[in-house]
Each structure stands twice: as structure tokens, then as C-alpha cells.
Amino acid sequence: MYDEELRKKELKLLIKKKRKREQRDWRLTMKRLKQFQNDSLNHKTSRTDR
């Protein structure tokens, strides 16, 4: 019984951590995507300017 409770708590903690990490990763990816889009946009505009 006690082991079961402990395991549940650990699982919850693990899931929480995992979720946090996934969120951070997702945010980073979105940032990179935005940056990439901006870069490509900038390249396009600079090409047309020349």
C-alpha cells in the first residue's frame, strides 16, 4: 500500500517534469521557427531591394 502511494507520487512528479520540459522545448522550437521565418523573409526582401 505504502509503495503504491510512493510510486504514484513519483509518477506525478515525473509527468510534471516531463510536461515542463516539453513546454520549454516547444517554446524553443517556436522561437526558432519564428527566427527562421524572419530570416527567410529578410533574405527575400534584401534580394528584391538589390
PDB file of N, CA and C in Angstrom:
ATOM      1  N   MET A   1       0.843  -1.205   0.000  1.00  0.00           N
ATOM      2  CA  MET A   1       0.000   0.000   0.000  1.00  0.00           C
ATOM      3  C   MET A   1       0.880   1.257   0.000  1.00  0.00           C
ATOM      4  N   TYR A   2       1.816   1.284   0.920  1.00  0.00           N
ATOM      5  CA  TYR A   2       2.691   2.450   1.010  1.00  0.00           C
ATOM      6  C   TYR A   2       3.504   2.616  -0.272  1.00  0.00           C
ATOM      7  N   ASP A   3       4.012   1.512  -0.764  1.00  0.00           N
ATOM      8  CA  ASP A   3       4.799   1.553  -2.004  1.00  0.00           C
ATOM      9  C   ASP A   3       3.965   2.119  -3.145  1.00  0.00           C
ATOM     10  N   GLU A   4       2.731   1.717  -3.172  1.00  0.00           N
ATOM     11  CA  GLU A   4       1.831   2.180  -4.238  1.00  0.00           C
ATOM     12  C   GLU A   4       1.708   3.712  -4.199  1.00  0.00           C
ATOM     13  N   GLU A   5       1.488   4.242  -3.013  1.00  0.00           N
ATOM     14  CA  GLU A   5       1.354   5.696  -2.862  1.00  0.00           C
ATOM     15  C   GLU A   5       2.620   6.404  -3.328  1.00  0.00           C
ATOM     16  N   LEU A   6       3.738   5.864  -2.882  1.00  0.00           N
ATOM     17  CA  LEU A   6       5.019   6.455  -3.240  1.00  0.00           C
ATOM     18  C   LEU A   6       5.199   6.453  -4.753  1.00  0.00           C
ATOM     19  N   ARG A   7       4.857   5.341  -5.351  1.00  0.00           N
ATOM     20  CA  ARG A   7       5.019   5.217  -6.801  1.00  0.00           C
ATOM     21  C   ARG A   7       4.143   6.243  -7.519  1.00  0.00           C
ATOM     22  N   LYS A   8       2.932   6.403  -7.027  1.00  0.00           N
ATOM     23  CA  LYS A   8       2.017   7.369  -7.648  1.00  0.00           C
ATOM     24  C   LYS A   8       2.601   8.775  -7.567  1.00  0.00           C
ATOM     25  N   LYS A   9       3.122   9.116  -6.390  1.00  0.00           N
ATOM     26  CA  LYS A   9       3.705  10.449  -6.217  1.00  0.00           C
ATOM     27  C   LYS A   9       4.872  10.646  -7.170  1.00  0.00           C
ATOM     28  N   GLU A  10       5.721   9.647  -7.249  1.00  0.00           N
ATOM     29  CA  GLU A  10       6.886   9.750  -8.133  1.00  0.00           C
ATOM     30  C   GLU A  10       6.450   9.909  -9.579  1.00  0.00           C
ATOM     31  N   LEU A  11       5.445   9.140  -9.946  1.00  0.00           N
ATOM     32  CA  LEU A  11       4.935   9.222 -11.315  1.00  0.00           C
ATOM     33  C   LEU A  11       4.418  10.630 -11.607  1.00  0.00           C
ATOM     34  N   LYS A  12       3.661  11.166 -10.670  1.00  0.00           N
ATOM     35  CA  LYS A  12       3.118  12.513 -10.852  1.00  0.00           C
ATOM     36  C   LYS A  12       4.246  13.512 -11.049  1.00  0.00           C
ATOM     37  N   LEU A  13       5.268  13.399 -10.200  1.00  0.00           N
ATOM     38  CA  LEU A  13       6.409  14.302 -10.301  1.00  0.00           C
ATOM     39  C   LEU A  13       7.079  14.171 -11.659  1.00  0.00           C
ATOM     40  N   LEU A  14       7.275  12.934 -12.066  1.00  0.00           N
ATOM     41  CA  LEU A  14       7.923  12.667 -13.352  1.00  0.00           C
ATOM     42  C   LEU A  14       7.134  13.307 -14.492  1.00  0.00           C
ATOM     43  N   ILE A  15       5.837  13.088 -14.460  1.00  0.00           N
ATOM     44  CA  ILE A  15       4.977  13.641 -15.512  1.00  0.00           C
ATOM     45  C   ILE A  15       5.062  15.163 -15.519  1.00  0.00           C
ATOM     46  N   LYS A  16       5.046  15.735 -14.315  1.00  0.00           N
ATOM     47  CA  LYS A  16       5.136  17.188 -14.200  1.00  0.00           C
ATOM     48  C   LYS A  16       6.425  17.686 -14.846  1.00  0.00           C
ATOM     49  N   LYS A  17       7.524  17.060 -14.466  1.00  0.00           N
ATOM     50  CA  LYS A  17       8.826  17.454 -15.018  1.00  0.00           C
ATOM     51  C   LYS A  17       8.831  17.320 -16.527  1.00  0.00           C
ATOM     52  N   LYS A  18       8.333  16.188 -16.973  1.00  0.00           N
ATOM     53  CA  LYS A  18       8.327  15.915 -18.409  1.00  0.00           C
ATOM     54  C   LYS A  18       7.520  16.987 -19.139  1.00  0.00           C
ATOM     55  N   ARG A  19       6.369  17.301 -18.587  1.00  0.00           N
ATOM     56  CA  ARG A  19       5.500  18.290 -19.217  1.00  0.00           C
ATOM     57  C   ARG A  19       6.208  19.637 -19.298  1.00  0.00           C
ATOM     58  N   LYS A  20       6.866  19.993 -18.197  1.00  0.00           N
ATOM     59  CA  LYS A  20       7.579  21.264 -18.157  1.00  0.00           C
ATOM     60  C   LYS A  20       8.643  21.303 -19.246  1.00  0.00           C
ATOM     61  N   ARG A  21       9.390  20.218 -19.329  1.00  0.00           N
ATOM     62  CA  ARG A  21      10.466  20.166 -20.316  1.00  0.00           C
ATOM     63  C   ARG A  21       9.890  20.253 -21.729  1.00  0.00           C
ATOM     64  N   GLU A  22       8.798  19.544 -21.956  1.00  0.00           N
ATOM     65  CA  GLU A  22       8.173  19.562 -23.285  1.00  0.00           C
ATOM     66  C   GLU A  22       7.712  20.972 -23.630  1.00  0.00           C
ATOM     67  N   GLN A  23       7.143  21.636 -22.644  1.00  0.00           N
ATOM     68  CA  GLN A  23       6.674  23.002 -22.863  1.00  0.00           C
ATOM     69  C   GLN A  23       7.831  23.899 -23.266  1.00  0.00           C
ATOM     70  N   ARG A  24       8.932  23.758 -22.516  1.00  0.00           N
ATOM     71  CA  ARG A  24      10.099  24.582 -22.805  1.00  0.00           C
ATOM     72  C   ARG A  24      10.633  24.274 -24.206  1.00  0.00           C
ATOM     73  N   ASP A  25      10.719  22.997 -24.505  1.00  0.00           N
ATOM     74  CA  ASP A  25      11.198  22.586 -25.829  1.00  0.00           C
ATOM     75  C   ASP A  25      10.311  23.180 -26.909  1.00  0.00           C
ATOM     76  N   TRP A  26       9.013  23.094 -26.670  1.00  0.00           N
ATOM     77  CA  TRP A  26       8.065  23.596 -27.662  1.00  0.00           C
ATOM     78  C   TRP A  26       8.255  25.094 -27.870  1.00  0.00           C
ATOM     79  N   ARG A  27       8.430  25.806 -26.768  1.00  0.00           N
ATOM     80  CA  ARG A  27       8.636  27.247 -26.857  1.00  0.00           C
ATOM     81  C   ARG A  27       9.900  27.550 -27.657  1.00  0.00           C
ATOM     82  N   LEU A  28      10.943  26.797 -27.366  1.00  0.00           N
ATOM     83  CA  LEU A  28      12.205  26.982 -28.085  1.00  0.00           C
ATOM     84  C   LEU A  28      12.015  26.739 -29.570  1.00  0.00           C
ATOM     85  N   THR A  29      11.314  25.681 -29.879  1.00  0.00           N
ATOM     86  CA  THR A  29      11.086  25.349 -31.290  1.00  0.00           C
ATOM     87  C   THR A  29      10.315  26.470 -31.973  1.00  0.00           C
ATOM     88  N   MET A  30       9.304  26.969 -31.291  1.00  0.00           N
ATOM     89  CA  MET A  30       8.518  28.050 -31.872  1.00  0.00           C
ATOM     90  C   MET A  30       9.404  29.273 -32.115  1.00  0.00           C
ATOM     91  N   LYS A  31      10.259  29.554 -31.151  1.00  0.00           N
ATOM     92  CA  LYS A  31      11.179  30.682 -31.289  1.00  0.00           C
ATOM     93  C   LYS A  31      12.046  30.497 -32.522  1.00  0.00           C
ATOM     94  N   ARG A  32      12.595  29.305 -32.642  1.00  0.00           N
ATOM     95  CA  ARG A  32      13.469  29.010 -33.783  1.00  0.00           C
ATOM     96  C   ARG A  32      12.708  29.155 -35.088  1.00  0.00           C
ATOM     97  N   LEU A  33      11.486  28.648 -35.084  1.00  0.00           N
ATOM     98  CA  LEU A  33      10.664  28.727 -36.295  1.00  0.00           C
ATOM     99  C   LEU A  33      10.459  30.193 -36.686  1.00  0.00           C
ATOM    100  N   LYS A  34      10.093  30.990 -35.713  1.00  0.00           N
ATOM    101  CA  LYS A  34       9.869  32.413 -35.973  1.00  0.00           C
ATOM    102  C   LYS A  34      11.138  33.045 -36.524  1.00  0.00           C
ATOM    103  N   GLN A  35      12.234  32.754 -35.869  1.00  0.00           N
ATOM    104  CA  GLN A  35      13.520  33.303 -36.296  1.00  0.00           C
ATOM    105  C   GLN A  35      13.809  32.905 -37.738  1.00  0.00           C
ATOM    106  N   PHE A  36      13.571  31.646 -38.015  1.00  0.00           N
ATOM    107  CA  PHE A  36      13.816  31.123 -39.357  1.00  0.00           C
ATOM    108  C   PHE A  36      12.944  31.851 -40.382  1.00  0.00           C
ATOM    109  N   GLN A  37      11.681  32.012 -40.048  1.00  0.00           N
ATOM    110  CA  GLN A  37      10.761  32.708 -40.955  1.00  0.00           C
ATOM    111  C   GLN A  37      11.234  34.145 -41.180  1.00  0.00           C
ATOM    112  N   ASN A  38      11.633  34.796 -40.109  1.00  0.00           N
ATOM    113  CA  ASN A  38      12.116  36.173 -40.226  1.00  0.00           C
ATOM    114  C   ASN A  38      13.337  36.227 -41.130  1.00  0.00           C
ATOM    115  N   ASP A  39      14.245  35.297 -40.914  1.00  0.00           N
ATOM    116  CA  ASP A  39      15.465  35.254 -41.722  1.00  0.00           C
ATOM    117  C   ASP A  39      15.128  35.104 -43.194  1.00  0.00           C
ATOM    118  N   SER A  40      14.295  34.145 -43.499  1.00  0.00           N
ATOM    119  CA  SER A  40      13.949  33.902 -44.904  1.00  0.00           C
ATOM    120  C   SER A  40      13.242  35.130 -45.491  1.00  0.00           C
ATOM    121  N   LEU A  41      12.394  35.759 -44.680  1.00  0.00           N
ATOM    122  CA  LEU A  41      11.702  36.964 -45.142  1.00  0.00           C
ATOM    123  C   LEU A  41      12.717  38.057 -45.441  1.00  0.00           C
ATOM    124  N   ASN A  42      13.662  38.213 -44.537  1.00  0.00           N
ATOM    125  CA  ASN A  42      14.687  39.241 -44.718  1.00  0.00           C
ATOM    126  C   ASN A  42      15.483  38.988 -45.987  1.00  0.00           C
ATOM    127  N   HIS A  43      15.811  37.742 -46.208  1.00  0.00           N
ATOM    128  CA  HIS A  43      16.576  37.397 -47.406  1.00  0.00           C
ATOM    129  C   HIS A  43      15.791  37.779 -48.659  1.00  0.00           C
ATOM    130  N   LYS A  44      14.535  37.455 -48.631  1.00  0.00           N
ATOM    131  CA  LYS A  44      13.687  37.756 -49.793  1.00  0.00           C
ATOM    132  C   LYS A  44      13.661  39.259 -50.053  1.00  0.00           C
ATOM    133  N   THR A  45      13.416  40.037 -49.015  1.00  0.00           N
ATOM    134  CA  THR A  45      13.312  41.482 -49.193  1.00  0.00           C
ATOM    135  C   THR A  45      14.645  42.060 -49.652  1.00  0.00           C
ATOM    136  N   SER A  46      15.735  41.609 -49.089  1.00  0.00           N
ATOM    137  CA  SER A  46      17.040  42.143 -49.481  1.00  0.00           C
ATOM    138  C   SER A  46      17.319  41.814 -50.948  1.00  0.00           C
ATOM    139  N   ARG A  47      16.897  40.652 -51.396  1.00  0.00           N
ATOM    140  CA  ARG A  47      17.103  40.263 -52.796  1.00  0.00           C
ATOM    141  C   ARG A  47      16.337  41.214 -53.723  1.00  0.00           C
ATOM    142  N   THR A  48      15.088  41.506 -53.347  1.00  0.00           N
ATOM    143  CA  THR A  48      14.274  42.366 -54.211  1.00  0.00           C
ATOM    144  C   THR A  48      14.802  43.798 -54.161  1.00  0.00           C
ATOM    145  N   ASP A  49      15.384  44.188 -53.063  1.00  0.00           N
ATOM    146  CA  ASP A  49      15.912  45.547 -52.946  1.00  0.00           C
ATOM    147  C   ASP A  49      17.090  45.757 -53.893  1.00  0.00           C
ATOM    148  N   ARG A  50      17.904  44.746 -54.060  1.00  0.00           N
ATOM    149  CA  ARG A  50      19.102  44.862 -54.887  1.00  0.00           C
ATOM    150  C   ARG A  50      18.841  44.930 -56.340  1.00  0.00           C
TER     151      ARG A  50
END
